[in-house]
Amino acid sequence: MISVIVNLHNQENTIISALQSLVSQTAQQWECVIVDNASTDGSEFQVRSYLIDRRMRYLRLEHQVSIEEARNIGLQQTTGEWVIFVDGADFLKSNALQALYLAVKTYGTQCGAGNYGVIRNGEISTHSFETSRKYNQKEVAKGKLSVVTGASIFSRKIADKPELWRENDFAYTDHLILISGEESEPLIKEIKQPWWKRILNL
């Protein structure tokens, strides 16, 4: 079972696409909790029609909290062995859940990631890396892998512990997993060190 936690805040124009992309997944064994982070627009109204699907639940917070807090609240409401965090402006490709799950199962890791795209000025800018393979923790720690939460999957054991993500091997699939309707900053990204820091291992 995969738990999908959707962080929603004033995204009435994109949440329908996000939820539609979820119900269109080739993988069917998932649950979803939509954490409405105190939206003041029509987000809740847009979500209501999707709650017919028993795999989806809606939770409204009365006061806005940080994204991390909202995700952890959602995590407490789910039971899946694997967790994917999605934003209300994210669009999952139809094979996203399947590709991420197969990646972590194939390589035996607690984390998995895939390619993602960001919509800028109406154009999709894709972020592609190497072919499907396993990144060991040293490569991850050195920033050789770019990870955006919506394009990644985590074991429940470490899903609420981002500080541990760099300390684990990552399974990587070259499938395009997610397209974000907003600017997305990688959580783990390449860090170019000055030559003298590399020599001194700083």
C-alpha atoms as a PDB file:
ATOM      1  CA  MET A   1       0.000   0.000   0.000  1.00  0.00           C
ATOM      2  CA  ILE A   2       1.239   3.485  -0.908  1.00  0.00           C
ATOM      3  CA  SER A   3       0.099   6.487   1.125  1.00  0.00           C
ATOM      4  CA  VAL A   4      -0.139   9.728  -0.839  1.00  0.00           C
ATOM      5  CA  ILE A   5      -0.207  12.884   1.256  1.00  0.00           C
ATOM      6  CA  VAL A   6      -1.397  15.985  -0.577  1.00  0.00           C
ATOM      7  CA  ASN A   7      -0.506  19.344   0.924  1.00  0.00           C
ATOM      8  CA  LEU A   8      -3.151  21.861  -0.171  1.00  0.00           C
ATOM      9  CA  HIS A   9      -3.158  25.611   0.397  1.00  0.00           C
ATOM     10  CA  ASN A  10      -5.123  28.018  -1.805  1.00  0.00           C
ATOM     11  CA  GLN A  11      -4.720  25.925  -4.965  1.00  0.00           C
ATOM     12  CA  GLU A  12      -8.294  25.800  -6.232  1.00  0.00           C
ATOM     13  CA  ASN A  13      -7.068  26.159  -9.823  1.00  0.00           C
ATOM     14  CA  THR A  14      -4.742  23.133  -9.755  1.00  0.00           C
ATOM     15  CA  ILE A  15      -6.044  20.677  -7.150  1.00  0.00           C
ATOM     16  CA  ILE A  16      -8.511  19.029  -9.551  1.00  0.00           C
ATOM     17  CA  SER A  17      -5.686  18.151 -11.966  1.00  0.00           C
ATOM     18  CA  ALA A  18      -3.617  16.841  -9.055  1.00  0.00           C
ATOM     19  CA  LEU A  19      -6.387  14.577  -7.787  1.00  0.00           C
ATOM     20  CA  GLN A  20      -7.409  13.460 -11.275  1.00  0.00           C
ATOM     21  CA  SER A  21      -3.825  12.401 -11.943  1.00  0.00           C
ATOM     22  CA  LEU A  22      -3.974  10.290  -8.800  1.00  0.00           C
ATOM     23  CA  VAL A  23      -7.184   8.435  -9.631  1.00  0.00           C
ATOM     24  CA  SER A  24      -5.773   7.779 -13.125  1.00  0.00           C
ATOM     25  CA  GLN A  25      -2.782   5.814 -11.796  1.00  0.00           C
ATOM     26  CA  THR A  26      -2.020   2.395 -13.256  1.00  0.00           C
ATOM     27  CA  ALA A  27      -1.327   1.213  -9.685  1.00  0.00           C
ATOM     28  CA  GLN A  28      -4.535   0.905  -7.667  1.00  0.00           C
ATOM     29  CA  GLN A  29      -3.259  -0.004  -4.188  1.00  0.00           C
ATOM     30  CA  TRP A  30      -3.028   3.456  -2.644  1.00  0.00           C
ATOM     31  CA  GLU A  31      -4.699   5.708  -0.106  1.00  0.00           C
ATOM     32  CA  CYS A  32      -4.691   9.481  -0.026  1.00  0.00           C
ATOM     33  CA  VAL A  33      -5.183  12.101   2.639  1.00  0.00           C
ATOM     34  CA  ILE A  34      -5.601  15.697   1.485  1.00  0.00           C
ATOM     35  CA  VAL A  35      -4.373  18.066   4.176  1.00  0.00           C
ATOM     36  CA  ASP A  36      -5.994  21.447   3.572  1.00  0.00           C
ATOM     37  CA  ASN A  37      -3.580  23.848   5.216  1.00  0.00           C
ATOM     38  CA  ALA A  38      -6.185  26.500   6.139  1.00  0.00           C
ATOM     39  CA  SER A  39      -7.077  27.478   2.569  1.00  0.00           C
ATOM     40  CA  THR A  40      -9.119  30.656   2.183  1.00  0.00           C
ATOM     41  CA  ASP A  41     -10.167  30.112  -1.448  1.00  0.00           C
ATOM     42  CA  GLY A  42     -12.438  27.492  -3.016  1.00  0.00           C
ATOM     43  CA  SER A  43     -10.019  24.578  -2.603  1.00  0.00           C
ATOM     44  CA  GLU A  44     -12.327  22.618  -0.301  1.00  0.00           C
ATOM     45  CA  PHE A  45     -15.215  22.899  -2.770  1.00  0.00           C
ATOM     46  CA  GLN A  46     -13.030  21.545  -5.575  1.00  0.00           C
ATOM     47  CA  VAL A  47     -11.955  18.541  -3.493  1.00  0.00           C
ATOM     48  CA  ARG A  48     -15.452  17.428  -2.433  1.00  0.00           C
ATOM     49  CA  SER A  49     -16.364  15.580  -5.638  1.00  0.00           C
ATOM     50  CA  TYR A  50     -13.310  13.326  -5.304  1.00  0.00           C
ATOM     51  CA  LEU A  51     -14.219  12.111  -1.827  1.00  0.00           C
ATOM     52  CA  ILE A  52     -16.627   9.616  -3.402  1.00  0.00           C
ATOM     53  CA  ASP A  53     -13.483   7.519  -3.896  1.00  0.00           C
ATOM     54  CA  ARG A  54     -13.069   5.718  -0.573  1.00  0.00           C
ATOM     55  CA  ARG A  55      -9.308   5.799  -0.935  1.00  0.00           C
ATOM     56  CA  MET A  56      -9.396   9.583  -0.430  1.00  0.00           C
ATOM     57  CA  ARG A  57      -9.883  11.513   2.780  1.00  0.00           C
ATOM     58  CA  TYR A  58      -9.963  15.235   3.470  1.00  0.00           C
ATOM     59  CA  LEU A  59      -8.593  16.937   6.562  1.00  0.00           C
ATOM     60  CA  ARG A  60      -8.903  20.675   7.058  1.00  0.00           C
ATOM     61  CA  LEU A  61      -6.555  22.542   9.401  1.00  0.00           C
ATOM     62  CA  GLU A  62      -8.026  25.624  11.044  1.00  0.00           C
ATOM     63  CA  HIS A  63      -4.658  27.387  11.304  1.00  0.00           C
ATOM     64  CA  GLN A  64      -1.891  27.357   8.721  1.00  0.00           C
ATOM     65  CA  VAL A  65       1.210  25.363   9.671  1.00  0.00           C
ATOM     66  CA  SER A  66       4.520  24.689   7.907  1.00  0.00           C
ATOM     67  CA  ILE A  67       4.604  22.260   4.990  1.00  0.00           C
ATOM     68  CA  GLU A  68       6.595  19.825   7.136  1.00  0.00           C
ATOM     69  CA  GLU A  69       3.968  19.939   9.891  1.00  0.00           C
ATOM     70  CA  ALA A  70       1.135  19.468   7.397  1.00  0.00           C
ATOM     71  CA  ARG A  71       2.898  16.451   5.915  1.00  0.00           C
ATOM     72  CA  ASN A  72       3.451  14.906   9.331  1.00  0.00           C
ATOM     73  CA  ILE A  73      -0.218  15.412  10.212  1.00  0.00           C
ATOM     74  CA  GLY A  74      -1.127  13.612   7.006  1.00  0.00           C
ATOM     75  CA  LEU A  75       1.380  10.867   7.764  1.00  0.00           C
ATOM     76  CA  GLN A  76      -0.352  10.194  11.085  1.00  0.00           C
ATOM     77  CA  GLN A  77      -3.631   9.662   9.217  1.00  0.00           C
ATOM     78  CA  THR A  78      -2.277   6.990   6.855  1.00  0.00           C
ATOM     79  CA  THR A  79      -0.995   3.436   7.179  1.00  0.00           C
ATOM     80  CA  GLY A  80       0.819   2.585   3.930  1.00  0.00           C
ATOM     81  CA  GLU A  81       4.267   1.039   3.989  1.00  0.00           C
ATOM     82  CA  TRP A  82       5.419   3.578   1.388  1.00  0.00           C
ATOM     83  CA  VAL A  83       4.799   7.334   1.347  1.00  0.00           C
ATOM     84  CA  ILE A  84       4.702   9.949  -1.399  1.00  0.00           C
ATOM     85  CA  PHE A  85       4.267  13.666  -0.664  1.00  0.00           C
ATOM     86  CA  VAL A  86       2.437  15.684  -3.310  1.00  0.00           C
ATOM     87  CA  ASP A  87       1.577  19.375  -3.529  1.00  0.00           C
ATOM     88  CA  GLY A  88      -1.774  20.727  -4.663  1.00  0.00           C
ATOM     89  CA  ALA A  89      -0.112  22.020  -7.852  1.00  0.00           C
ATOM     90  CA  ASP A  90       1.549  18.709  -8.778  1.00  0.00           C
ATOM     91  CA  PHE A  91       0.458  16.423 -11.607  1.00  0.00           C
ATOM     92  CA  LEU A  92       1.506  12.766 -11.341  1.00  0.00           C
ATOM     93  CA  LYS A  93       2.184  10.887 -14.558  1.00  0.00           C
ATOM     94  CA  SER A  94      -0.095   7.853 -14.870  1.00  0.00           C
ATOM     95  CA  ASN A  95       2.649   5.323 -14.067  1.00  0.00           C
ATOM     96  CA  ALA A  96       4.251   7.349 -11.251  1.00  0.00           C
ATOM     97  CA  LEU A  97       3.266   5.179  -8.284  1.00  0.00           C
ATOM     98  CA  GLN A  98       4.064   1.983 -10.143  1.00  0.00           C
ATOM     99  CA  ALA A  99       7.468   3.205 -11.347  1.00  0.00           C
ATOM    100  CA  LEU A 100       8.554   4.469  -7.930  1.00  0.00           C
ATOM    101  CA  TYR A 101       7.387   1.315  -6.154  1.00  0.00           C
ATOM    102  CA  LEU A 102       9.153  -0.938  -8.662  1.00  0.00           C
ATOM    103  CA  ALA A 103      12.342   1.105  -8.257  1.00  0.00           C
ATOM    104  CA  VAL A 104      12.589   0.668  -4.481  1.00  0.00           C
ATOM    105  CA  LYS A 105      11.634  -3.009  -4.736  1.00  0.00           C
ATOM    106  CA  THR A 106      14.145  -3.662  -7.519  1.00  0.00           C
ATOM    107  CA  TYR A 107      17.069  -2.062  -5.705  1.00  0.00           C
ATOM    108  CA  GLY A 108      15.989  -2.841  -2.134  1.00  0.00           C
ATOM    109  CA  THR A 109      16.172   0.718  -0.796  1.00  0.00           C
ATOM    110  CA  GLN A 110      14.073   2.836   1.574  1.00  0.00           C
ATOM    111  CA  CYS A 111      13.989   5.800  -0.823  1.00  0.00           C
ATOM    112  CA  GLY A 112      13.252   6.164  -4.501  1.00  0.00           C
ATOM    113  CA  ALA A 113      13.172   9.044  -6.965  1.00  0.00           C
ATOM    114  CA  GLY A 114      12.390   9.752 -10.588  1.00  0.00           C
ATOM    115  CA  ASN A 115      12.596  12.476 -13.203  1.00  0.00           C
ATOM    116  CA  TYR A 116      10.368  15.498 -12.763  1.00  0.00           C
ATOM    117  CA  GLY A 117       9.311  18.542 -14.724  1.00  0.00           C
ATOM    118  CA  VAL A 118       8.473  22.118 -13.794  1.00  0.00           C
ATOM    119  CA  ILE A 119       6.074  24.344 -15.726  1.00  0.00           C
ATOM    120  CA  ARG A 120       7.697  27.707 -16.397  1.00  0.00           C
ATOM    121  CA  ASN A 121       5.933  30.253 -18.584  1.00  0.00           C
ATOM    122  CA  GLY A 122       3.626  27.571 -19.934  1.00  0.00           C
ATOM    123  CA  GLU A 123       6.496  25.280 -20.958  1.00  0.00           C
ATOM    124  CA  ILE A 124       7.518  22.045 -19.232  1.00  0.00           C
ATOM    125  CA  SER A 125      11.189  22.046 -18.296  1.00  0.00           C
ATOM    126  CA  THR A 126      12.238  18.458 -17.542  1.00  0.00           C
ATOM    127  CA  HIS A 127      14.987  17.483 -15.136  1.00  0.00           C
ATOM    128  CA  SER A 128      16.565  14.281 -16.395  1.00  0.00           C
ATOM    129  CA  PHE A 129      19.468  12.405 -14.864  1.00  0.00           C
ATOM    130  CA  GLU A 130      21.141   9.074 -15.493  1.00  0.00           C
ATOM    131  CA  THR A 131      19.423   5.849 -16.466  1.00  0.00           C
ATOM    132  CA  SER A 132      17.667   3.807 -13.808  1.00  0.00           C
ATOM    133  CA  ARG A 133      20.093   2.648 -11.158  1.00  0.00           C
ATOM    134  CA  LYS A 134      20.896   2.719  -7.465  1.00  0.00           C
ATOM    135  CA  TYR A 135      22.625   5.713  -5.906  1.00  0.00           C
ATOM    136  CA  ASN A 136      24.579   4.753  -2.813  1.00  0.00           C
ATOM    137  CA  GLN A 137      24.471   6.939   0.272  1.00  0.00           C
ATOM    138  CA  LYS A 138      27.875   8.514  -0.413  1.00  0.00           C
ATOM    139  CA  GLU A 139      26.691   9.737  -3.806  1.00  0.00           C
ATOM    140  CA  VAL A 140      23.479  11.057  -2.265  1.00  0.00           C
ATOM    141  CA  ALA A 141      25.361  12.813   0.542  1.00  0.00           C
ATOM    142  CA  LYS A 142      27.606  14.508  -2.030  1.00  0.00           C
ATOM    143  CA  GLY A 143      24.557  15.870  -3.810  1.00  0.00           C
ATOM    144  CA  LYS A 144      24.803  13.803  -6.993  1.00  0.00           C
ATOM    145  CA  LEU A 145      21.058  13.213  -7.016  1.00  0.00           C
ATOM    146  CA  SER A 146      18.350  15.847  -7.312  1.00  0.00           C
ATOM    147  CA  VAL A 147      15.269  14.945  -5.266  1.00  0.00           C
ATOM    148  CA  VAL A 148      11.891  16.688  -5.245  1.00  0.00           C
ATOM    149  CA  THR A 149       9.453  15.229  -2.733  1.00  0.00           C
ATOM    150  CA  GLY A 150       6.581  14.813  -5.180  1.00  0.00           C
ATOM    151  CA  ALA A 151       8.822  12.771  -7.483  1.00  0.00           C
ATOM    152  CA  SER A 152      10.059  10.551  -4.673  1.00  0.00           C
ATOM    153  CA  ILE A 153       8.917   7.668  -2.489  1.00  0.00           C
ATOM    154  CA  PHE A 154       9.980   6.924   1.069  1.00  0.00           C
ATOM    155  CA  SER A 155       9.629   4.034   3.470  1.00  0.00           C
ATOM    156  CA  ARG A 156       7.307   4.983   6.328  1.00  0.00           C
ATOM    157  CA  LYS A 157      10.239   4.350   8.683  1.00  0.00           C
ATOM    158  CA  ILE A 158      12.030   7.461   7.429  1.00  0.00           C
ATOM    159  CA  ALA A 159       9.300   9.460   5.657  1.00  0.00           C
ATOM    160  CA  ASP A 160       9.123  12.012   8.487  1.00  0.00           C
ATOM    161  CA  LYS A 161      12.902  12.207   8.894  1.00  0.00           C
ATOM    162  CA  PRO A 162      14.333  14.223   5.970  1.00  0.00           C
ATOM    163  CA  GLU A 163      17.673  14.387   7.760  1.00  0.00           C
ATOM    164  CA  LEU A 164      18.029  10.633   7.125  1.00  0.00           C
ATOM    165  CA  TRP A 165      17.348  10.772   3.400  1.00  0.00           C
ATOM    166  CA  ARG A 166      20.960  11.660   2.620  1.00  0.00           C
ATOM    167  CA  GLU A 167      22.115   8.728   4.737  1.00  0.00           C
ATOM    168  CA  ASN A 168      20.243   6.127   2.691  1.00  0.00           C
ATOM    169  CA  ASP A 169      20.691   4.572  -0.714  1.00  0.00           C
ATOM    170  CA  PHE A 170      18.264   5.880  -3.345  1.00  0.00           C
ATOM    171  CA  ALA A 171      16.652   3.825  -6.084  1.00  0.00           C
ATOM    172  CA  TYR A 172      16.339   5.927  -9.213  1.00  0.00           C
ATOM    173  CA  THR A 173      14.030   5.483 -12.189  1.00  0.00           C
ATOM    174  CA  ASP A 174      14.366   7.551 -15.347  1.00  0.00           C
ATOM    175  CA  HIS A 175      10.578   7.681 -15.820  1.00  0.00           C
ATOM    176  CA  LEU A 176       9.077  11.156 -15.787  1.00  0.00           C
ATOM    177  CA  ILE A 177       7.144  10.941 -12.513  1.00  0.00           C
ATOM    178  CA  LEU A 178       5.748  14.371 -11.771  1.00  0.00           C
ATOM    179  CA  ILE A 179       5.087  17.756 -13.330  1.00  0.00           C
ATOM    180  CA  SER A 180       4.853  20.689 -10.960  1.00  0.00           C
ATOM    181  CA  GLY A 181       2.799  23.764 -11.729  1.00  0.00           C
ATOM    182  CA  GLU A 182       5.016  25.813  -9.449  1.00  0.00           C
ATOM    183  CA  GLU A 183       8.735  26.349  -9.003  1.00  0.00           C
ATOM    184  CA  SER A 184      10.230  23.272  -7.320  1.00  0.00           C
ATOM    185  CA  GLU A 185      13.554  23.348  -5.543  1.00  0.00           C
ATOM    186  CA  PRO A 186      15.411  20.041  -5.220  1.00  0.00           C
ATOM    187  CA  LEU A 187      15.797  18.852  -1.633  1.00  0.00           C
ATOM    188  CA  ILE A 188      19.024  17.118  -2.501  1.00  0.00           C
ATOM    189  CA  LYS A 189      20.942  18.873  -5.226  1.00  0.00           C
ATOM    190  CA  GLU A 190      24.410  19.066  -6.652  1.00  0.00           C
ATOM    191  CA  ILE A 191      26.804  21.052  -4.502  1.00  0.00           C
ATOM    192  CA  LYS A 192      29.914  22.212  -6.326  1.00  0.00           C
ATOM    193  CA  GLN A 193      32.744  22.529  -3.837  1.00  0.00           C
ATOM    194  CA  PRO A 194      35.889  24.626  -4.382  1.00  0.00           C
ATOM    195  CA  TRP A 195      38.864  22.453  -5.373  1.00  0.00           C
ATOM    196  CA  TRP A 196      40.622  23.036  -2.036  1.00  0.00           C
ATOM    197  CA  LYS A 197      37.587  21.808  -0.088  1.00  0.00           C
ATOM    198  CA  ARG A 198      37.453  18.672  -2.220  1.00  0.00           C
ATOM    199  CA  ILE A 199      41.116  17.943  -1.592  1.00  0.00           C
ATOM    200  CA  LEU A 200      40.717  18.452   2.168  1.00  0.00           C
ATOM    201  CA  ASN A 201      37.419  16.519   2.195  1.00  0.00           C
ATOM    202  CA  LEU A 202      35.595  19.501   3.723  1.00  0.00           C
END
